[in-house]
PDB file of N, CA and C in Angstrom:
ATOM      1  N   UNK A   1      -0.186 -15.418 -17.852  1.00  0.00           N
ATOM      2  CA  UNK A   1       0.440 -14.275 -18.475  1.00  0.00           C
ATOM      3  C   UNK A   1       1.823 -14.082 -17.870  1.00  0.00           C
ATOM      4  N   UNK A   2       2.823 -14.004 -18.688  1.00  0.00           N
ATOM      5  CA  UNK A   2       4.202 -13.854 -18.218  1.00  0.00           C
ATOM      6  C   UNK A   2       4.784 -12.494 -18.565  1.00  0.00           C
ATOM      7  N   UNK A   3       3.955 -11.473 -18.498  1.00  0.00           N
ATOM      8  CA  UNK A   3       4.446 -10.133 -18.787  1.00  0.00           C
ATOM      9  C   UNK A   3       5.445  -9.695 -17.725  1.00  0.00           C
ATOM     10  N   UNK A   4       6.409  -8.892 -18.142  1.00  0.00           N
ATOM     11  CA  UNK A   4       7.419  -8.350 -17.241  1.00  0.00           C
ATOM     12  C   UNK A   4       7.092  -6.876 -16.997  1.00  0.00           C
ATOM     13  N   UNK A   5       7.075  -6.482 -15.749  1.00  0.00           N
ATOM     14  CA  UNK A   5       6.822  -5.094 -15.382  1.00  0.00           C
ATOM     15  C   UNK A   5       8.123  -4.469 -14.901  1.00  0.00           C
ATOM     16  N   UNK A   6       8.395  -3.263 -15.365  1.00  0.00           N
ATOM     17  CA  UNK A   6       9.571  -2.514 -14.921  1.00  0.00           C
ATOM     18  C   UNK A   6       9.105  -1.190 -14.322  1.00  0.00           C
ATOM     19  N   UNK A   7       9.592  -0.887 -13.150  1.00  0.00           N
ATOM     20  CA  UNK A   7       9.387   0.420 -12.517  1.00  0.00           C
ATOM     21  C   UNK A   7      10.778   1.048 -12.483  1.00  0.00           C
ATOM     22  N   UNK A   8      10.943   2.189 -13.136  1.00  0.00           N
ATOM     23  CA  UNK A   8      12.288   2.743 -13.296  1.00  0.00           C
ATOM     24  C   UNK A   8      12.246   4.267 -13.307  1.00  0.00           C
ATOM     25  N   UNK A   9      13.413   4.865 -13.153  1.00  0.00           N
ATOM     26  CA  UNK A   9      13.557   6.320 -13.266  1.00  0.00           C
ATOM     27  C   UNK A   9      14.048   6.650 -14.665  1.00  0.00           C
ATOM     28  N   UNK A  10      13.432   7.656 -15.270  1.00  0.00           N
ATOM     29  CA  UNK A  10      13.815   8.068 -16.616  1.00  0.00           C
ATOM     30  C   UNK A  10      14.946   9.104 -16.583  1.00  0.00           C
ATOM     31  N   UNK A  11      15.290   9.637 -17.741  1.00  0.00           N
ATOM     32  CA  UNK A  11      16.400  10.598 -17.831  1.00  0.00           C
ATOM     33  C   UNK A  11      16.126  11.900 -17.081  1.00  0.00           C
ATOM     34  N   UNK A  12      14.845  12.202 -16.837  1.00  0.00           N
ATOM     35  CA  UNK A  12      14.480  13.401 -16.084  1.00  0.00           C
ATOM     36  C   UNK A  12      14.347  13.111 -14.582  1.00  0.00           C
ATOM     37  N   UNK A  13      14.779  11.896 -14.176  1.00  0.00           N
ATOM     38  CA  UNK A  13      14.738  11.469 -12.782  1.00  0.00           C
ATOM     39  C   UNK A  13      13.307  11.349 -12.252  1.00  0.00           C
ATOM     40  N   UNK A  14      12.359  10.965 -13.127  1.00  0.00           N
ATOM     41  CA  UNK A  14      10.979  10.722 -12.739  1.00  0.00           C
ATOM     42  C   UNK A  14      10.675   9.232 -12.879  1.00  0.00           C
ATOM     43  N   UNK A  15       9.739   8.752 -12.062  1.00  0.00           N
ATOM     44  CA  UNK A  15       9.368   7.343 -12.074  1.00  0.00           C
ATOM     45  C   UNK A  15       8.414   7.040 -13.222  1.00  0.00           C
ATOM     46  N   UNK A  16       8.629   5.910 -13.874  1.00  0.00           N
ATOM     47  CA  UNK A  16       7.774   5.424 -14.950  1.00  0.00           C
ATOM     48  C   UNK A  16       7.637   3.914 -14.842  1.00  0.00           C
ATOM     49  N   UNK A  17       6.646   3.366 -15.515  1.00  0.00           N
ATOM     50  CA  UNK A  17       6.501   1.915 -15.591  1.00  0.00           C
ATOM     51  C   UNK A  17       6.382   1.508 -17.059  1.00  0.00           C
ATOM     52  N   UNK A  18       6.755   0.248 -17.288  1.00  0.00           N
ATOM     53  CA  UNK A  18       6.677  -0.323 -18.631  1.00  0.00           C
ATOM     54  C   UNK A  18       6.306  -1.798 -18.488  1.00  0.00           C
ATOM     55  N   UNK A  19       5.394  -2.267 -19.334  1.00  0.00           N
ATOM     56  CA  UNK A  19       4.965  -3.666 -19.336  1.00  0.00           C
ATOM     57  C   UNK A  19       5.385  -4.297 -20.652  1.00  0.00           C
ATOM     58  N   UNK A  20       6.147  -5.391 -20.567  1.00  0.00           N
ATOM     59  CA  UNK A  20       6.676  -6.057 -21.749  1.00  0.00           C
ATOM     60  C   UNK A  20       6.113  -7.478 -21.813  1.00  0.00           C
ATOM     61  N   UNK A  21       5.587  -7.855 -22.983  1.00  0.00           N
ATOM     62  CA  UNK A  21       5.044  -9.197 -23.181  1.00  0.00           C
ATOM     63  C   UNK A  21       6.183 -10.207 -23.294  1.00  0.00           C
ATOM     64  N   UNK A  22       5.834 -11.481 -23.210  1.00  0.00           N
ATOM     65  CA  UNK A  22       6.843 -12.542 -23.259  1.00  0.00           C
ATOM     66  C   UNK A  22       7.583 -12.577 -24.601  1.00  0.00           C
ATOM     67  N   UNK A  23       6.990 -11.989 -25.655  1.00  0.00           N
ATOM     68  CA  UNK A  23       7.664 -11.936 -26.950  1.00  0.00           C
ATOM     69  C   UNK A  23       8.585 -10.720 -27.087  1.00  0.00           C
ATOM     70  N   UNK A  24       8.702  -9.915 -26.015  1.00  0.00           N
ATOM     71  CA  UNK A  24       9.598  -8.766 -26.015  1.00  0.00           C
ATOM     72  C   UNK A  24       8.965  -7.450 -26.432  1.00  0.00           C
ATOM     73  N   UNK A  25       7.730  -7.492 -26.842  1.00  0.00           N
ATOM     74  CA  UNK A  25       7.052  -6.254 -27.247  1.00  0.00           C
ATOM     75  C   UNK A  25       6.505  -5.497 -26.048  1.00  0.00           C
ATOM     76  N   UNK A  26       6.656  -4.179 -26.083  1.00  0.00           N
ATOM     77  CA  UNK A  26       6.100  -3.335 -25.025  1.00  0.00           C
ATOM     78  C   UNK A  26       4.600  -3.233 -25.279  1.00  0.00           C
ATOM     79  N   UNK A  27       3.813  -3.649 -24.290  1.00  0.00           N
ATOM     80  CA  UNK A  27       2.361  -3.651 -24.436  1.00  0.00           C
ATOM     81  C   UNK A  27       1.691  -2.606 -23.553  1.00  0.00           C
ATOM     82  N   UNK A  28       2.462  -1.897 -22.755  1.00  0.00           N
ATOM     83  CA  UNK A  28       1.931  -0.828 -21.931  1.00  0.00           C
ATOM     84  C   UNK A  28       3.061  -0.019 -21.333  1.00  0.00           C
ATOM     85  N   UNK A  29       2.787   1.259 -21.113  1.00  0.00           N
ATOM     86  CA  UNK A  29       3.800   2.132 -20.512  1.00  0.00           C
ATOM     87  C   UNK A  29       3.109   3.365 -19.941  1.00  0.00           C
ATOM     88  N   UNK A  30       3.731   3.946 -18.930  1.00  0.00           N
ATOM     89  CA  UNK A  30       3.177   5.179 -18.373  1.00  0.00           C
ATOM     90  C   UNK A  30       3.292   6.290 -19.410  1.00  0.00           C
ATOM     91  N   UNK A  31       2.302   7.150 -19.427  1.00  0.00           N
ATOM     92  CA  UNK A  31       2.303   8.251 -20.384  1.00  0.00           C
ATOM     93  C   UNK A  31       2.922   9.513 -19.802  1.00  0.00           C
ATOM     94  N   UNK A  32       3.264   9.449 -18.519  1.00  0.00           N
ATOM     95  CA  UNK A  32       3.905  10.586 -17.870  1.00  0.00           C
ATOM     96  C   UNK A  32       4.864  10.075 -16.812  1.00  0.00           C
ATOM     97  N   UNK A  33       5.746  10.936 -16.369  1.00  0.00           N
ATOM     98  CA  UNK A  33       6.657  10.611 -15.292  1.00  0.00           C
ATOM     99  C   UNK A  33       6.063  11.056 -13.966  1.00  0.00           C
ATOM    100  N   UNK A  34       6.467  10.399 -12.887  1.00  0.00           N
ATOM    101  CA  UNK A  34       5.969  10.706 -11.549  1.00  0.00           C
ATOM    102  C   UNK A  34       7.127  11.042 -10.630  1.00  0.00           C
ATOM    103  N   UNK A  35       6.949  12.070  -9.825  1.00  0.00           N
ATOM    104  CA  UNK A  35       7.968  12.463  -8.857  1.00  0.00           C
ATOM    105  C   UNK A  35       8.048  11.418  -7.753  1.00  0.00           C
ATOM    106  N   UNK A  36       6.902  10.907  -7.324  1.00  0.00           N
ATOM    107  CA  UNK A  36       6.841   9.923  -6.241  1.00  0.00           C
ATOM    108  C   UNK A  36       6.652   8.514  -6.811  1.00  0.00           C
ATOM    109  N   UNK A  37       7.434   7.580  -6.317  1.00  0.00           N
ATOM    110  CA  UNK A  37       7.346   6.190  -6.781  1.00  0.00           C
ATOM    111  C   UNK A  37       5.954   5.605  -6.518  1.00  0.00           C
ATOM    112  N   UNK A  38       5.373   5.929  -5.363  1.00  0.00           N
ATOM    113  CA  UNK A  38       4.050   5.403  -5.038  1.00  0.00           C
ATOM    114  C   UNK A  38       2.984   5.853  -6.020  1.00  0.00           C
ATOM    115  N   UNK A  39       3.076   7.076  -6.518  1.00  0.00           N
ATOM    116  CA  UNK A  39       2.128   7.544  -7.530  1.00  0.00           C
ATOM    117  C   UNK A  39       2.270   6.735  -8.811  1.00  0.00           C
ATOM    118  N   UNK A  40       3.497   6.416  -9.159  1.00  0.00           N
ATOM    119  CA  UNK A  40       3.763   5.589 -10.335  1.00  0.00           C
ATOM    120  C   UNK A  40       3.172   4.190 -10.150  1.00  0.00           C
ATOM    121  N   UNK A  41       3.381   3.609  -8.978  1.00  0.00           N
ATOM    122  CA  UNK A  41       2.844   2.279  -8.696  1.00  0.00           C
ATOM    123  C   UNK A  41       1.317   2.269  -8.728  1.00  0.00           C
ATOM    124  N   UNK A  42       0.689   3.307  -8.206  1.00  0.00           N
ATOM    125  CA  UNK A  42      -0.773   3.396  -8.247  1.00  0.00           C
ATOM    126  C   UNK A  42      -1.267   3.407  -9.683  1.00  0.00           C
ATOM    127  N   UNK A  43      -0.592   4.149 -10.543  1.00  0.00           N
ATOM    128  CA  UNK A  43      -0.972   4.192 -11.951  1.00  0.00           C
ATOM    129  C   UNK A  43      -0.769   2.832 -12.608  1.00  0.00           C
ATOM    130  N   UNK A  44       0.324   2.171 -12.305  1.00  0.00           N
ATOM    131  CA  UNK A  44       0.592   0.843 -12.862  1.00  0.00           C
ATOM    132  C   UNK A  44      -0.481  -0.147 -12.406  1.00  0.00           C
ATOM    133  N   UNK A  45      -0.896  -0.068 -11.153  1.00  0.00           N
ATOM    134  CA  UNK A  45      -1.940  -0.965 -10.644  1.00  0.00           C
ATOM    135  C   UNK A  45      -3.253  -0.755 -11.386  1.00  0.00           C
ATOM    136  N   UNK A  46      -3.565   0.477 -11.718  1.00  0.00           N
ATOM    137  CA  UNK A  46      -4.783   0.751 -12.495  1.00  0.00           C
ATOM    138  C   UNK A  46      -4.709   0.132 -13.882  1.00  0.00           C
ATOM    139  N   UNK A  47      -3.498  -0.229 -14.286  1.00  0.00           N
ATOM    140  CA  UNK A  47      -3.299  -0.807 -15.600  1.00  0.00           C
ATOM    141  C   UNK A  47      -2.930  -2.301 -15.536  1.00  0.00           C
ATOM    142  N   UNK A  48      -3.152  -2.922 -14.374  1.00  0.00           N
ATOM    143  CA  UNK A  48      -2.982  -4.355 -14.255  1.00  0.00           C
ATOM    144  C   UNK A  48      -1.808  -4.865 -13.450  1.00  0.00           C
ATOM    145  N   UNK A  49      -0.972  -3.991 -12.944  1.00  0.00           N
ATOM    146  CA  UNK A  49       0.186  -4.400 -12.148  1.00  0.00           C
ATOM    147  C   UNK A  49      -0.263  -4.975 -10.813  1.00  0.00           C
ATOM    148  N   UNK A  50       0.305  -6.098 -10.401  1.00  0.00           N
ATOM    149  CA  UNK A  50      -0.084  -6.720  -9.135  1.00  0.00           C
ATOM    150  C   UNK A  50       1.076  -6.874  -8.160  1.00  0.00           C
ATOM    151  N   UNK A  51       2.236  -6.353  -8.489  1.00  0.00           N
ATOM    152  CA  UNK A  51       3.408  -6.474  -7.620  1.00  0.00           C
ATOM    153  C   UNK A  51       3.461  -5.398  -6.557  1.00  0.00           C
ATOM    154  N   UNK A  52       4.615  -5.327  -5.848  1.00  0.00           N
ATOM    155  CA  UNK A  52       4.899  -4.348  -4.778  1.00  0.00           C
ATOM    156  C   UNK A  52       3.657  -3.986  -4.019  1.00  0.00           C
TER     157      UNK A  52
END
């Protein structure tokens, strides 16, 4: 699987994650913003993220 994971800050300065498939389609994303980056990463891990 060559999905790309992005951990980023949104316009409200909250952390979010997004998972993009190799064909460019977004196949997963956080449904809320997180104040703490670690909380965002924990949520991403529950959804298959294996980085950081």
